[in-house]
Amino acid sequence: MALELSPGEHLPSELRSLVADVPWATSTKRITATVDPADPTFVELVEEGSCLGGAAWTGHHYPAASKLVTSAQREGTLAIYDLCTGDVEPELVPGLRPAGIGAVVVDREADEVRVTYHGLGGGGVGACISRGLAKGVLRIVVHEPPGGSRKSSATVVLPLREKVVLGVDDTDTEDEGSTWSLCHTLGTALQEGGLGDYLYHALAQLYPSAPHRTRNCVATAITLAVPTDGRDALLRRARHLLEKWTLSEHTGLAWLHGRDVPPALSFFGRAARGAVVSIDDTFSTAATLPSVGLEPVTGRRGCIGAMAALAYHRRWRDAVTVPVIDR
């Protein structure tokens, strides 16, 4: 079936109508771009794909083809790219480097992030169609329409967002509850309330021999992309929901605003996974970190795990291991 996609600007609704009867036009589920408030030259791009193979394919090829991609992670159909701003010509080679990112622009005045994708063959379909159909896209500008094996390119325009990570611990009791599950519900509720896009969820195994634990001693971090002025509203709502839902008298809430995990926070996270950490040390460390906040919800004890979980919000596989076991 022929598809006539003209160069120029297209809204997602227009694109959906155009490809409604095209069986090879598959939509990426969602694309989100977050910018560090302290350094607008770096962007975290999160793509939630519609199939595992597509996420694996782009996760492999984008870093190889583009100097703007500084790292890539893939978990299932979720692909996360660390990008630097700039404009380059991807070095595309059929089969070897068939797709890449050519430009990343952060426009704070327009409150937008613009990412230009290039691809050969099916990679061009992904660049011009799949991403243009994704939730979160404001509009797409097609430069070279897809067709057969030729090179295609398009710029996806996304709303500028900032990353806020919420760390939570100690919401359950010996009899009922589950922190990891409650946090997933929390992230979903915050997204449904229009306060941010719920991006991903991480479990952090803490010191398993800690004397004050319900059973497994696991804290949780959830990551959201929020409008540039949306952090405070998100935190207020998160605290309200935790107060409403928690079963514990020791629930703590921590947050990280921005892209980077400070070295002192990484050190603290490792310490909490390998030994008992005091409440006083937790609050004194938080006081030295401008991008980190810490707040008891029903008690101070849960703040230890809540802050430690922040350090592992993108280290899913490391976070679930047990580094030290007292025998």
Protein backbone atom coordinates (compact mmCIF):
# COMPACT_ATOMS: atom_id res chain seq x y z
CA MET A 1 0.00 0.00 0.00
CA ALA A 2 1.48 3.31 -1.09
CA LEU A 3 1.88 6.04 1.49
CA GLU A 4 2.26 9.65 0.44
CA LEU A 5 3.85 11.44 3.37
CA SER A 6 4.89 14.90 2.25
CA PRO A 7 7.83 16.85 3.66
CA GLY A 8 6.87 19.44 6.23
CA GLU A 9 5.15 19.67 9.60
CA HIS A 10 2.54 17.12 10.67
CA LEU A 11 0.48 16.76 13.84
CA PRO A 12 0.18 13.26 15.34
CA SER A 13 -3.58 13.27 14.66
CA GLU A 14 -2.93 14.02 10.98
CA LEU A 15 -0.33 11.28 10.78
CA ARG A 16 -2.64 8.76 12.45
CA SER A 17 -5.32 9.48 9.90
CA LEU A 18 -2.84 9.17 7.06
CA VAL A 19 -1.56 5.73 8.11
CA ALA A 20 -4.83 4.31 9.45
CA ASP A 21 -4.94 1.57 6.79
CA VAL A 22 -1.18 1.05 6.43
CA PRO A 23 -0.26 -2.31 8.01
CA TRP A 24 3.46 -1.55 8.25
CA ALA A 25 3.00 1.71 10.16
CA THR A 26 3.57 0.83 13.82
CA SER A 27 3.43 3.43 16.57
CA THR A 28 6.03 3.96 19.26
CA LYS A 29 4.00 4.08 22.49
CA ARG A 30 5.55 7.16 24.11
CA ILE A 31 8.58 9.45 23.87
CA THR A 32 9.70 11.76 26.65
CA ALA A 33 12.64 14.16 26.88
CA THR A 34 13.93 15.52 30.18
CA VAL A 35 16.53 18.23 30.58
CA ASP A 36 18.68 18.81 33.64
CA PRO A 37 17.82 22.23 35.14
CA ALA A 38 21.51 22.76 35.92
CA ASP A 39 22.84 21.78 32.48
CA PRO A 40 20.60 22.14 29.39
CA THR A 41 23.22 20.57 27.11
CA PHE A 42 22.23 17.04 28.19
CA VAL A 43 18.91 15.34 27.47
CA GLU A 44 17.54 12.03 28.71
CA LEU A 45 15.37 10.59 25.96
CA VAL A 46 12.99 7.79 26.96
CA GLU A 47 11.28 5.79 24.24
CA GLU A 48 8.66 3.22 25.15
CA GLY A 49 8.48 1.01 22.11
CA SER A 50 5.76 -1.28 20.86
CA CYS A 51 7.99 -4.33 20.40
CA LEU A 52 11.10 -5.77 22.02
CA GLY A 53 12.98 -6.24 18.74
CA GLY A 54 12.59 -2.60 17.74
CA ALA A 55 13.90 -1.34 21.07
CA ALA A 56 16.86 -3.72 20.89
CA TRP A 57 17.61 -2.63 17.32
CA THR A 58 17.64 1.12 17.96
CA GLY A 59 19.38 0.68 21.31
CA HIS A 60 22.23 -1.03 19.46
CA HIS A 61 22.46 1.17 16.37
CA TYR A 62 21.85 4.71 17.65
CA PRO A 63 25.03 4.94 19.77
CA ALA A 64 27.08 3.46 16.93
CA ALA A 65 25.78 5.89 14.32
CA SER A 66 25.60 9.13 16.29
CA LYS A 67 28.12 11.01 18.41
CA LEU A 68 25.23 12.76 20.16
CA VAL A 69 24.22 9.52 21.91
CA THR A 70 26.53 9.21 24.91
CA SER A 71 24.88 6.11 26.39
CA ALA A 72 21.97 3.77 25.74
CA GLN A 73 20.10 1.39 28.02
CA ARG A 74 17.33 -1.03 27.14
CA GLU A 75 14.97 -2.82 29.48
CA GLY A 76 12.30 -4.73 27.60
CA THR A 77 10.63 -2.33 25.17
CA LEU A 78 11.94 0.70 27.07
CA ALA A 79 15.01 2.42 25.61
CA ILE A 80 16.77 5.24 27.45
CA TYR A 81 19.32 7.45 25.71
CA ASP A 82 21.60 10.07 27.20
CA LEU A 83 22.05 12.74 24.55
CA CYS A 84 24.12 15.87 24.22
CA THR A 85 22.84 18.82 22.23
CA GLY A 86 24.29 19.46 18.80
CA ASP A 87 23.89 18.87 15.08
CA VAL A 88 25.79 16.12 13.29
CA GLU A 89 25.34 13.97 10.23
CA PRO A 90 24.96 10.32 11.34
CA GLU A 91 27.31 7.96 9.57
CA LEU A 92 24.71 5.56 8.21
CA VAL A 93 25.80 2.27 6.67
CA PRO A 94 23.26 -0.38 5.59
CA GLY A 95 23.17 -3.24 8.10
CA LEU A 96 25.98 -1.82 10.19
CA ARG A 97 24.76 1.65 11.22
CA PRO A 98 21.33 1.99 9.56
CA ALA A 99 19.76 4.55 11.93
CA GLY A 100 20.83 7.36 14.23
CA ILE A 101 20.11 10.71 15.82
CA GLY A 102 21.38 13.74 13.93
CA ALA A 103 20.35 16.75 15.99
CA VAL A 104 19.26 17.55 19.55
CA VAL A 105 18.00 21.05 20.35
CA VAL A 106 16.76 22.38 23.70
CA ASP A 107 14.60 25.47 23.26
CA ARG A 108 13.73 26.84 26.70
CA GLU A 109 11.92 29.83 25.24
CA ALA A 110 9.49 27.58 23.38
CA ASP A 111 9.61 24.94 26.16
CA GLU A 112 10.50 22.27 23.60
CA VAL A 113 13.09 19.63 22.83
CA ARG A 114 13.63 18.76 19.16
CA VAL A 115 15.26 15.47 18.19
CA THR A 116 16.09 14.65 14.56
CA TYR A 117 16.14 10.98 13.56
CA HIS A 118 17.70 9.49 10.41
CA GLY A 119 17.24 5.97 9.07
CA LEU A 120 17.64 3.70 6.08
CA GLY A 121 14.73 1.52 4.95
CA GLY A 122 12.76 0.38 7.98
CA GLY A 123 14.85 2.70 10.13
CA GLY A 124 13.41 5.60 8.16
CA VAL A 125 9.88 4.37 8.79
CA GLY A 126 10.70 4.42 12.50
CA ALA A 127 12.12 7.93 12.19
CA CYS A 128 9.24 9.47 10.27
CA ILE A 129 6.16 7.45 11.19
CA SER A 130 6.53 5.37 14.34
CA ARG A 131 7.88 8.23 16.41
CA GLY A 132 5.50 10.76 14.94
CA LEU A 133 2.60 8.64 16.19
CA ALA A 134 3.92 8.36 19.75
CA LYS A 135 2.18 9.77 22.78
CA GLY A 136 4.03 12.84 24.02
CA VAL A 137 4.91 14.15 20.55
CA LEU A 138 3.72 17.70 19.84
CA ARG A 139 4.42 17.54 16.12
CA ILE A 140 6.84 16.02 13.63
CA VAL A 141 8.70 17.75 10.81
CA VAL A 142 9.42 15.36 7.95
CA HIS A 143 12.57 16.24 6.01
CA GLU A 144 12.97 13.15 3.81
CA PRO A 145 9.87 10.91 3.64
CA PRO A 146 10.32 7.14 3.99
CA GLY A 147 10.16 4.90 0.98
CA GLY A 148 11.80 1.60 0.20
CA SER A 149 15.50 1.46 1.01
CA ARG A 150 16.28 5.16 0.77
CA LYS A 151 17.40 7.41 3.60
CA SER A 152 14.66 9.20 5.55
CA SER A 153 14.71 11.79 8.30
CA ALA A 154 12.36 13.73 10.55
CA THR A 155 12.44 15.96 13.62
CA VAL A 156 10.24 15.00 16.54
CA VAL A 157 9.17 17.95 18.72
CA LEU A 158 8.60 17.12 22.40
CA PRO A 159 7.58 19.20 25.41
CA LEU A 160 10.54 20.12 27.60
CA ARG A 161 10.39 18.24 30.89
CA GLU A 162 12.59 17.84 33.96
CA LYS A 163 13.23 14.60 35.81
CA VAL A 164 12.07 14.08 39.38
CA VAL A 165 12.83 10.79 41.14
CA LEU A 166 10.77 9.88 44.21
CA GLY A 167 12.27 7.48 46.75
CA VAL A 168 9.93 5.78 49.20
CA ASP A 169 10.43 3.27 51.99
CA ASP A 170 8.60 1.69 54.89
CA THR A 171 4.94 1.78 53.86
CA ASP A 172 4.02 -1.76 54.95
CA THR A 173 3.73 -3.74 58.17
CA GLU A 174 4.41 -7.33 59.22
CA ASP A 175 0.79 -8.12 58.39
CA GLU A 176 0.05 -6.33 55.13
CA GLY A 177 1.23 -3.97 52.43
CA SER A 178 3.99 -3.72 49.84
CA THR A 179 6.15 -0.69 49.16
CA TRP A 180 7.16 -1.61 45.61
CA SER A 181 3.54 -2.17 44.61
CA LEU A 182 2.24 0.94 46.36
CA CYS A 183 4.89 3.03 44.56
CA HIS A 184 3.77 1.70 41.20
CA THR A 185 0.24 2.74 42.10
CA LEU A 186 1.61 6.12 43.18
CA GLY A 187 3.40 6.70 39.88
CA THR A 188 0.30 5.73 37.93
CA ALA A 189 -1.89 8.06 40.01
CA LEU A 190 0.49 10.98 39.58
CA GLN A 191 0.49 10.45 35.81
CA GLU A 192 -3.29 10.11 35.63
CA GLY A 193 -3.55 13.33 37.63
CA GLY A 194 -1.55 15.17 34.95
CA LEU A 195 1.41 15.88 37.22
CA GLY A 196 4.06 14.03 35.24
CA ASP A 197 4.84 11.14 32.93
CA TYR A 198 5.62 8.00 34.93
CA LEU A 199 8.78 6.73 33.23
CA TYR A 200 10.22 3.85 35.23
CA HIS A 201 10.36 2.05 38.56
CA ALA A 202 13.35 0.63 40.49
CA LEU A 203 13.74 -1.62 43.53
CA ALA A 204 16.79 -1.15 45.75
CA GLN A 205 17.81 -4.03 48.00
CA LEU A 206 19.11 -2.57 51.25
CA TYR A 207 21.12 -4.19 54.04
CA PRO A 208 19.19 -7.43 54.67
CA SER A 209 20.29 -7.68 58.31
CA ALA A 210 19.01 -4.24 59.30
CA PRO A 211 17.18 -4.60 62.63
CA HIS A 212 14.18 -2.48 61.58
CA ARG A 213 12.66 -4.04 58.50
CA THR A 214 9.41 -5.72 57.64
CA ARG A 215 10.78 -8.64 55.63
CA ASN A 216 13.00 -8.13 52.59
CA CYS A 217 14.38 -4.64 53.30
CA VAL A 218 13.72 -3.23 49.83
CA ALA A 219 13.10 0.45 49.02
CA THR A 220 11.60 1.84 45.82
CA ALA A 221 12.30 4.73 43.45
CA ILE A 222 9.95 5.94 40.72
CA THR A 223 10.98 8.42 38.03
CA LEU A 224 8.68 11.00 36.47
CA ALA A 225 9.06 13.67 33.79
CA VAL A 226 7.41 16.87 34.98
CA PRO A 227 6.86 20.36 33.54
CA THR A 228 9.62 22.81 34.44
CA ASP A 229 7.45 24.40 37.12
CA GLY A 230 5.75 21.19 38.22
CA ARG A 231 8.01 19.71 40.90
CA ASP A 232 6.33 21.24 43.95
CA ALA A 233 2.83 20.21 42.87
CA LEU A 234 4.08 16.68 42.24
CA LEU A 235 5.68 16.48 45.69
CA ARG A 236 2.56 17.79 47.44
CA ARG A 237 0.36 15.23 45.74
CA ALA A 238 2.84 12.39 46.34
CA ARG A 239 3.00 13.18 50.04
CA HIS A 240 -0.78 13.40 50.28
CA LEU A 241 -1.25 10.00 48.64
CA LEU A 242 1.43 8.39 50.78
CA GLU A 243 -0.18 9.74 53.94
CA LYS A 244 -3.48 8.33 52.74
CA TRP A 245 -2.22 4.90 51.67
CA THR A 246 0.67 3.99 53.97
CA LEU A 247 0.18 1.39 56.70
CA SER A 248 3.36 2.29 58.56
CA GLU A 249 4.31 4.88 61.16
CA HIS A 250 7.79 5.17 59.66
CA THR A 251 7.19 6.12 56.00
CA GLY A 252 9.82 8.37 54.41
CA LEU A 253 9.88 10.30 51.12
CA ALA A 254 12.98 11.50 49.28
CA TRP A 255 13.38 13.17 45.91
CA LEU A 256 16.07 13.89 43.36
CA HIS A 257 15.54 16.75 40.90
CA GLY A 258 17.69 16.53 37.81
CA ARG A 259 19.66 14.18 35.66
CA ASP A 260 22.73 13.34 37.71
CA VAL A 261 23.19 11.28 40.85
CA PRO A 262 25.66 13.27 43.02
CA PRO A 263 28.73 11.28 44.17
CA ALA A 264 27.76 11.69 47.82
CA LEU A 265 24.34 10.19 47.07
CA SER A 266 25.94 7.23 45.27
CA PHE A 267 28.20 6.68 48.29
CA PHE A 268 25.22 6.83 50.62
CA GLY A 269 23.28 4.33 48.51
CA ARG A 270 26.16 1.85 48.60
CA ALA A 271 26.54 2.32 52.35
CA ALA A 272 22.84 1.60 52.98
CA ARG A 273 23.09 -1.61 50.96
CA GLY A 274 26.06 -2.89 52.93
CA ALA A 275 25.49 -1.84 56.54
CA VAL A 276 23.17 -0.11 58.97
CA VAL A 277 23.00 3.66 58.34
CA SER A 278 21.75 6.03 61.01
CA ILE A 279 18.86 8.45 60.61
CA ASP A 280 21.11 11.35 61.64
CA ASP A 281 23.67 10.48 58.94
CA THR A 282 20.87 10.30 56.40
CA PHE A 283 19.60 13.79 57.13
CA SER A 284 23.08 15.30 57.40
CA THR A 285 24.00 13.88 53.97
CA ALA A 286 20.78 15.16 52.41
CA ALA A 287 21.50 18.65 53.77
CA THR A 288 24.69 18.81 51.65
CA LEU A 289 22.94 17.94 48.36
CA PRO A 290 21.05 20.79 46.66
CA SER A 291 19.29 18.48 44.19
CA VAL A 292 18.04 16.11 46.91
CA GLY A 293 15.12 16.57 49.32
CA LEU A 294 14.10 14.44 52.27
CA GLU A 295 10.86 14.48 54.22
CA PRO A 296 9.28 12.18 56.81
CA VAL A 297 5.71 11.30 55.84
CA THR A 298 4.73 9.43 59.00
CA GLY A 299 8.21 8.94 60.46
CA ARG A 300 11.95 9.47 59.98
CA ARG A 301 13.13 5.87 59.77
CA GLY A 302 11.85 5.27 56.26
CA CYS A 303 13.90 8.22 55.02
CA ILE A 304 17.03 6.06 55.08
CA GLY A 305 15.83 3.64 52.42
CA ALA A 306 13.94 6.34 50.54
CA MET A 307 17.14 8.32 49.95
CA ALA A 308 19.24 5.24 49.21
CA ALA A 309 16.79 4.19 46.49
CA LEU A 310 17.38 7.45 44.61
CA ALA A 311 20.95 6.42 43.85
CA TYR A 312 19.73 3.29 42.03
CA HIS A 313 16.81 4.68 40.05
CA ARG A 314 18.48 3.73 36.72
CA ARG A 315 20.58 0.83 37.97
CA TRP A 316 17.85 -1.82 37.98
CA ARG A 317 20.05 -4.90 37.84
CA ASP A 318 22.66 -3.71 40.34
CA ALA A 319 19.98 -2.51 42.74
CA VAL A 320 18.29 -5.87 43.27
CA THR A 321 21.46 -7.78 44.21
CA VAL A 322 22.50 -8.40 47.82
CA PRO A 323 26.11 -7.17 48.25
CA VAL A 324 26.57 -8.15 51.89
CA ILE A 325 24.88 -10.83 53.96
CA ASP A 326 25.58 -11.28 57.65
CA ARG A 327 25.95 -14.96 58.41
